[in-house]
Amino acid sequence: MYPAAVEVLKQLGLLSEKQFEPLMKHYRPKLRNARQEVIGELVADFFSITKS
């Protein structure tokens, strides 16, 4: 849920760079296996919600 929520706030321009920084860990969280090795990341991938 967090990656999608942060992406929406970012696309709507509701976050300044200062506000976005603490949310970075939720924006693209690293996925880890049982050995705590990074095996990927979770990315919110959808079309822009703002008007062109």
PDB file of N, CA and C in Angstrom:
ATOM      1  N   MET A   1       0.812  -1.194   0.000  1.00  0.00           N
ATOM      2  CA  MET A   1       0.000   0.000   0.000  1.00  0.00           C
ATOM      3  C   MET A   1       0.857   1.260   0.000  1.00  0.00           C
ATOM      4  N   TYR A   2       1.924   1.268   0.776  1.00  0.00           N
ATOM      5  CA  TYR A   2       2.739   2.479   0.877  1.00  0.00           C
ATOM      6  C   TYR A   2       3.283   2.965  -0.463  1.00  0.00           C
ATOM      7  N   PRO A   3       3.853   2.087  -1.316  1.00  0.00           N
ATOM      8  CA  PRO A   3       4.374   2.605  -2.587  1.00  0.00           C
ATOM      9  C   PRO A   3       3.304   3.313  -3.417  1.00  0.00           C
ATOM     10  N   ALA A   4       2.102   2.759  -3.456  1.00  0.00           N
ATOM     11  CA  ALA A   4       1.031   3.377  -4.233  1.00  0.00           C
ATOM     12  C   ALA A   4       0.621   4.717  -3.622  1.00  0.00           C
ATOM     13  N   ALA A   5       0.493   4.771  -2.300  1.00  0.00           N
ATOM     14  CA  ALA A   5       0.095   6.014  -1.634  1.00  0.00           C
ATOM     15  C   ALA A   5       1.127   7.113  -1.852  1.00  0.00           C
ATOM     16  N   VAL A   6       2.391   6.775  -1.730  1.00  0.00           N
ATOM     17  CA  VAL A   6       3.449   7.771  -1.932  1.00  0.00           C
ATOM     18  C   VAL A   6       3.479   8.215  -3.387  1.00  0.00           C
ATOM     19  N   GLU A   7       3.276   7.285  -4.318  1.00  0.00           N
ATOM     20  CA  GLU A   7       3.269   7.636  -5.741  1.00  0.00           C
ATOM     21  C   GLU A   7       2.132   8.600  -6.051  1.00  0.00           C
ATOM     22  N   VAL A   8       0.961   8.369  -5.494  1.00  0.00           N
ATOM     23  CA  VAL A   8      -0.182   9.265  -5.721  1.00  0.00           C
ATOM     24  C   VAL A   8       0.132  10.664  -5.187  1.00  0.00           C
ATOM     25  N   LEU A   9       0.643  10.743  -3.973  1.00  0.00           N
ATOM     26  CA  LEU A   9       0.995  12.049  -3.395  1.00  0.00           C
ATOM     27  C   LEU A   9       2.044  12.757  -4.240  1.00  0.00           C
ATOM     28  N   LYS A  10       3.009  11.991  -4.735  1.00  0.00           N
ATOM     29  CA  LYS A  10       4.072  12.562  -5.578  1.00  0.00           C
ATOM     30  C   LYS A  10       3.499  13.093  -6.892  1.00  0.00           C
ATOM     31  N   GLN A  11       2.654  12.276  -7.551  1.00  0.00           N
ATOM     32  CA  GLN A  11       2.089  12.693  -8.831  1.00  0.00           C
ATOM     33  C   GLN A  11       1.170  13.909  -8.693  1.00  0.00           C
ATOM     34  N   LEU A  12       0.481  14.015  -7.568  1.00  0.00           N
ATOM     35  CA  LEU A  12      -0.411  15.157  -7.359  1.00  0.00           C
ATOM     36  C   LEU A  12       0.337  16.413  -6.927  1.00  0.00           C
ATOM     37  N   GLY A  13       1.638  16.279  -6.698  1.00  0.00           N
ATOM     38  CA  GLY A  13       2.442  17.424  -6.297  1.00  0.00           C
ATOM     39  C   GLY A  13       2.178  17.863  -4.868  1.00  0.00           C
ATOM     40  N   LEU A  14       1.746  16.938  -4.026  1.00  0.00           N
ATOM     41  CA  LEU A  14       1.408  17.266  -2.649  1.00  0.00           C
ATOM     42  C   LEU A  14       2.578  17.088  -1.690  1.00  0.00           C
ATOM     43  N   LEU A  15       3.728  16.667  -2.203  1.00  0.00           N
ATOM     44  CA  LEU A  15       4.909  16.471  -1.364  1.00  0.00           C
ATOM     45  C   LEU A  15       6.063  17.339  -1.855  1.00  0.00           C
ATOM     46  N   SER A  16       6.653  18.073  -0.946  1.00  0.00           N
ATOM     47  CA  SER A  16       7.887  18.788  -1.276  1.00  0.00           C
ATOM     48  C   SER A  16       9.031  17.787  -1.180  1.00  0.00           C
ATOM     49  N   GLU A  17      10.205  18.159  -1.650  1.00  0.00           N
ATOM     50  CA  GLU A  17      11.374  17.269  -1.534  1.00  0.00           C
ATOM     51  C   GLU A  17      11.652  16.936  -0.075  1.00  0.00           C
ATOM     52  N   LYS A  18      11.484  17.938   0.790  1.00  0.00           N
ATOM     53  CA  LYS A  18      11.722  17.732   2.219  1.00  0.00           C
ATOM     54  C   LYS A  18      10.731  16.720   2.798  1.00  0.00           C
ATOM     55  N   GLN A  19       9.480  16.776   2.374  1.00  0.00           N
ATOM     56  CA  GLN A  19       8.470  15.838   2.855  1.00  0.00           C
ATOM     57  C   GLN A  19       8.658  14.449   2.250  1.00  0.00           C
ATOM     58  N   PHE A  20       9.170  14.400   1.031  1.00  0.00           N
ATOM     59  CA  PHE A  20       9.340  13.130   0.323  1.00  0.00           C
ATOM     60  C   PHE A  20      10.487  12.300   0.902  1.00  0.00           C
ATOM     61  N   GLU A  21      11.541  12.951   1.359  1.00  0.00           N
ATOM     62  CA  GLU A  21      12.733  12.245   1.851  1.00  0.00           C
ATOM     63  C   GLU A  21      12.432  11.175   2.897  1.00  0.00           C
ATOM     64  N   PRO A  22      11.673  11.463   3.972  1.00  0.00           N
ATOM     65  CA  PRO A  22      11.417  10.411   4.964  1.00  0.00           C
ATOM     66  C   PRO A  22      10.531   9.273   4.439  1.00  0.00           C
ATOM     67  N   LEU A  23       9.835   9.512   3.331  1.00  0.00           N
ATOM     68  CA  LEU A  23       8.964   8.485   2.765  1.00  0.00           C
ATOM     69  C   LEU A  23       9.677   7.591   1.762  1.00  0.00           C
ATOM     70  N   MET A  24      10.921   7.905   1.438  1.00  0.00           N
ATOM     71  CA  MET A  24      11.676   7.140   0.441  1.00  0.00           C
ATOM     72  C   MET A  24      11.711   5.650   0.762  1.00  0.00           C
ATOM     73  N   LYS A  25      11.819   5.284   2.048  1.00  0.00           N
ATOM     74  CA  LYS A  25      11.893   3.858   2.391  1.00  0.00           C
ATOM     75  C   LYS A  25      10.578   3.142   2.075  1.00  0.00           C
ATOM     76  N   HIS A  26       9.474   3.898   1.980  1.00  0.00           N
ATOM     77  CA  HIS A  26       8.178   3.315   1.629  1.00  0.00           C
ATOM     78  C   HIS A  26       7.900   3.407   0.136  1.00  0.00           C
ATOM     79  N   TYR A  27       8.628   4.258  -0.577  1.00  0.00           N
ATOM     80  CA  TYR A  27       8.372   4.501  -1.996  1.00  0.00           C
ATOM     81  C   TYR A  27       8.762   3.299  -2.853  1.00  0.00           C
ATOM     82  N   ARG A  28       9.907   2.752  -2.629  1.00  0.00           N
ATOM     83  CA  ARG A  28      10.383   1.561  -3.335  1.00  0.00           C
ATOM     84  C   ARG A  28      11.072   0.626  -2.344  1.00  0.00           C
ATOM     85  N   PRO A  29      10.274  -0.020  -1.472  1.00  0.00           N
ATOM     86  CA  PRO A  29      10.885  -0.870  -0.452  1.00  0.00           C
ATOM     87  C   PRO A  29      11.603  -2.068  -1.067  1.00  0.00           C
ATOM     88  N   LYS A  30      12.718  -2.419  -0.480  1.00  0.00           N
ATOM     89  CA  LYS A  30      13.501  -3.567  -0.920  1.00  0.00           C
ATOM     90  C   LYS A  30      12.811  -4.850  -0.460  1.00  0.00           C
ATOM     91  N   LEU A  31      12.790  -5.843  -1.317  1.00  0.00           N
ATOM     92  CA  LEU A  31      12.252  -7.158  -0.977  1.00  0.00           C
ATOM     93  C   LEU A  31      13.423  -8.061  -0.625  1.00  0.00           C
ATOM     94  N   ARG A  32      13.304  -8.791   0.475  1.00  0.00           N
ATOM     95  CA  ARG A  32      14.387  -9.652   0.953  1.00  0.00           C
ATOM     96  C   ARG A  32      13.892 -11.087   1.099  1.00  0.00           C
ATOM     97  N   ASN A  33      14.813 -12.025   0.894  1.00  0.00           N
ATOM     98  CA  ASN A  33      14.476 -13.429   1.088  1.00  0.00           C
ATOM     99  C   ASN A  33      14.735 -13.824   2.539  1.00  0.00           C
ATOM    100  N   ALA A  34      14.624 -15.116   2.862  1.00  0.00           N
ATOM    101  CA  ALA A  34      14.796 -15.602   4.230  1.00  0.00           C
ATOM    102  C   ALA A  34      16.205 -15.345   4.762  1.00  0.00           C
ATOM    103  N   ARG A  35      17.183 -15.204   3.863  1.00  0.00           N
ATOM    104  CA  ARG A  35      18.561 -14.905   4.283  1.00  0.00           C
ATOM    105  C   ARG A  35      18.840 -13.408   4.322  1.00  0.00           C
ATOM    106  N   GLN A  36      17.779 -12.608   4.199  1.00  0.00           N
ATOM    107  CA  GLN A  36      17.868 -11.146   4.229  1.00  0.00           C
ATOM    108  C   GLN A  36      18.664 -10.564   3.065  1.00  0.00           C
ATOM    109  N   GLU A  37      18.741 -11.311   1.972  1.00  0.00           N
ATOM    110  CA  GLU A  37      19.388 -10.810   0.757  1.00  0.00           C
ATOM    111  C   GLU A  37      18.345 -10.026  -0.041  1.00  0.00           C
ATOM    112  N   VAL A  38      18.740  -8.905  -0.585  1.00  0.00           N
ATOM    113  CA  VAL A  38      17.828  -8.113  -1.415  1.00  0.00           C
ATOM    114  C   VAL A  38      17.605  -8.870  -2.716  1.00  0.00           C
ATOM    115  N   ILE A  39      16.343  -9.141  -3.012  1.00  0.00           N
ATOM    116  CA  ILE A  39      16.000  -9.893  -4.224  1.00  0.00           C
ATOM    117  C   ILE A  39      15.158  -9.072  -5.201  1.00  0.00           C
ATOM    118  N   GLY A  40      14.852  -7.840  -4.815  1.00  0.00           N
ATOM    119  CA  GLY A  40      14.063  -6.977  -5.690  1.00  0.00           C
ATOM    120  C   GLY A  40      13.533  -5.789  -4.923  1.00  0.00           C
ATOM    121  N   GLU A  41      12.602  -5.089  -5.558  1.00  0.00           N
ATOM    122  CA  GLU A  41      11.959  -3.957  -4.902  1.00  0.00           C
ATOM    123  C   GLU A  41      10.519  -3.875  -5.361  1.00  0.00           C
ATOM    124  N   LEU A  42       9.684  -3.303  -4.526  1.00  0.00           N
ATOM    125  CA  LEU A  42       8.276  -3.134  -4.834  1.00  0.00           C
ATOM    126  C   LEU A  42       8.094  -1.751  -5.454  1.00  0.00           C
ATOM    127  N   VAL A  43       7.482  -1.715  -6.646  1.00  0.00           N
ATOM    128  CA  VAL A  43       7.331  -0.456  -7.374  1.00  0.00           C
ATOM    129  C   VAL A  43       5.859  -0.253  -7.739  1.00  0.00           C
ATOM    130  N   ALA A  44       5.320   0.905  -7.412  1.00  0.00           N
ATOM    131  CA  ALA A  44       3.963   1.255  -7.854  1.00  0.00           C
ATOM    132  C   ALA A  44       4.058   1.640  -9.312  1.00  0.00           C
ATOM    133  N   ASP A  45       3.333   0.919 -10.162  1.00  0.00           N
ATOM    134  CA  ASP A  45       3.425   1.135 -11.601  1.00  0.00           C
ATOM    135  C   ASP A  45       2.021   1.342 -12.167  1.00  0.00           C
ATOM    136  N   PHE A  46       1.668   2.583 -12.398  1.00  0.00           N
ATOM    137  CA  PHE A  46       0.385   2.898 -13.003  1.00  0.00           C
ATOM    138  C   PHE A  46       0.507   4.204 -13.759  1.00  0.00           C
ATOM    139  N   PHE A  47      -0.474   4.481 -14.584  1.00  0.00           N
ATOM    140  CA  PHE A  47      -0.450   5.678 -15.411  1.00  0.00           C
ATOM    141  C   PHE A  47      -0.535   6.939 -14.561  1.00  0.00           C
ATOM    142  N   SER A  48      -0.049   8.002 -15.094  1.00  0.00           N
ATOM    143  CA  SER A  48      -0.107   9.291 -14.411  1.00  0.00           C
ATOM    144  C   SER A  48      -1.547   9.655 -14.133  1.00  0.00           C
ATOM    145  N   ILE A  49      -1.782  10.162 -12.917  1.00  0.00           N
ATOM    146  CA  ILE A  49      -3.142  10.546 -12.548  1.00  0.00           C
ATOM    147  C   ILE A  49      -3.378  12.040 -12.711  1.00  0.00           C
ATOM    148  N   THR A  50      -2.329  12.762 -13.096  1.00  0.00           N
ATOM    149  CA  THR A  50      -2.473  14.203 -13.285  1.00  0.00           C
ATOM    150  C   THR A  50      -2.840  14.491 -14.727  1.00  0.00           C
ATOM    151  N   LYS A  51      -3.469  15.623 -14.944  1.00  0.00           N
ATOM    152  CA  LYS A  51      -3.831  16.021 -16.306  1.00  0.00           C
ATOM    153  C   LYS A  51      -2.610  16.461 -17.066  1.00  0.00           C
ATOM    154  N   SER A  52      -2.546  16.137 -18.340  1.00  0.00           N
ATOM    155  CA  SER A  52      -1.409  16.512 -19.189  1.00  0.00           C
ATOM    156  C   SER A  52      -1.497  17.955 -19.595  1.00  0.00           C
TER     157      SER A  52
END
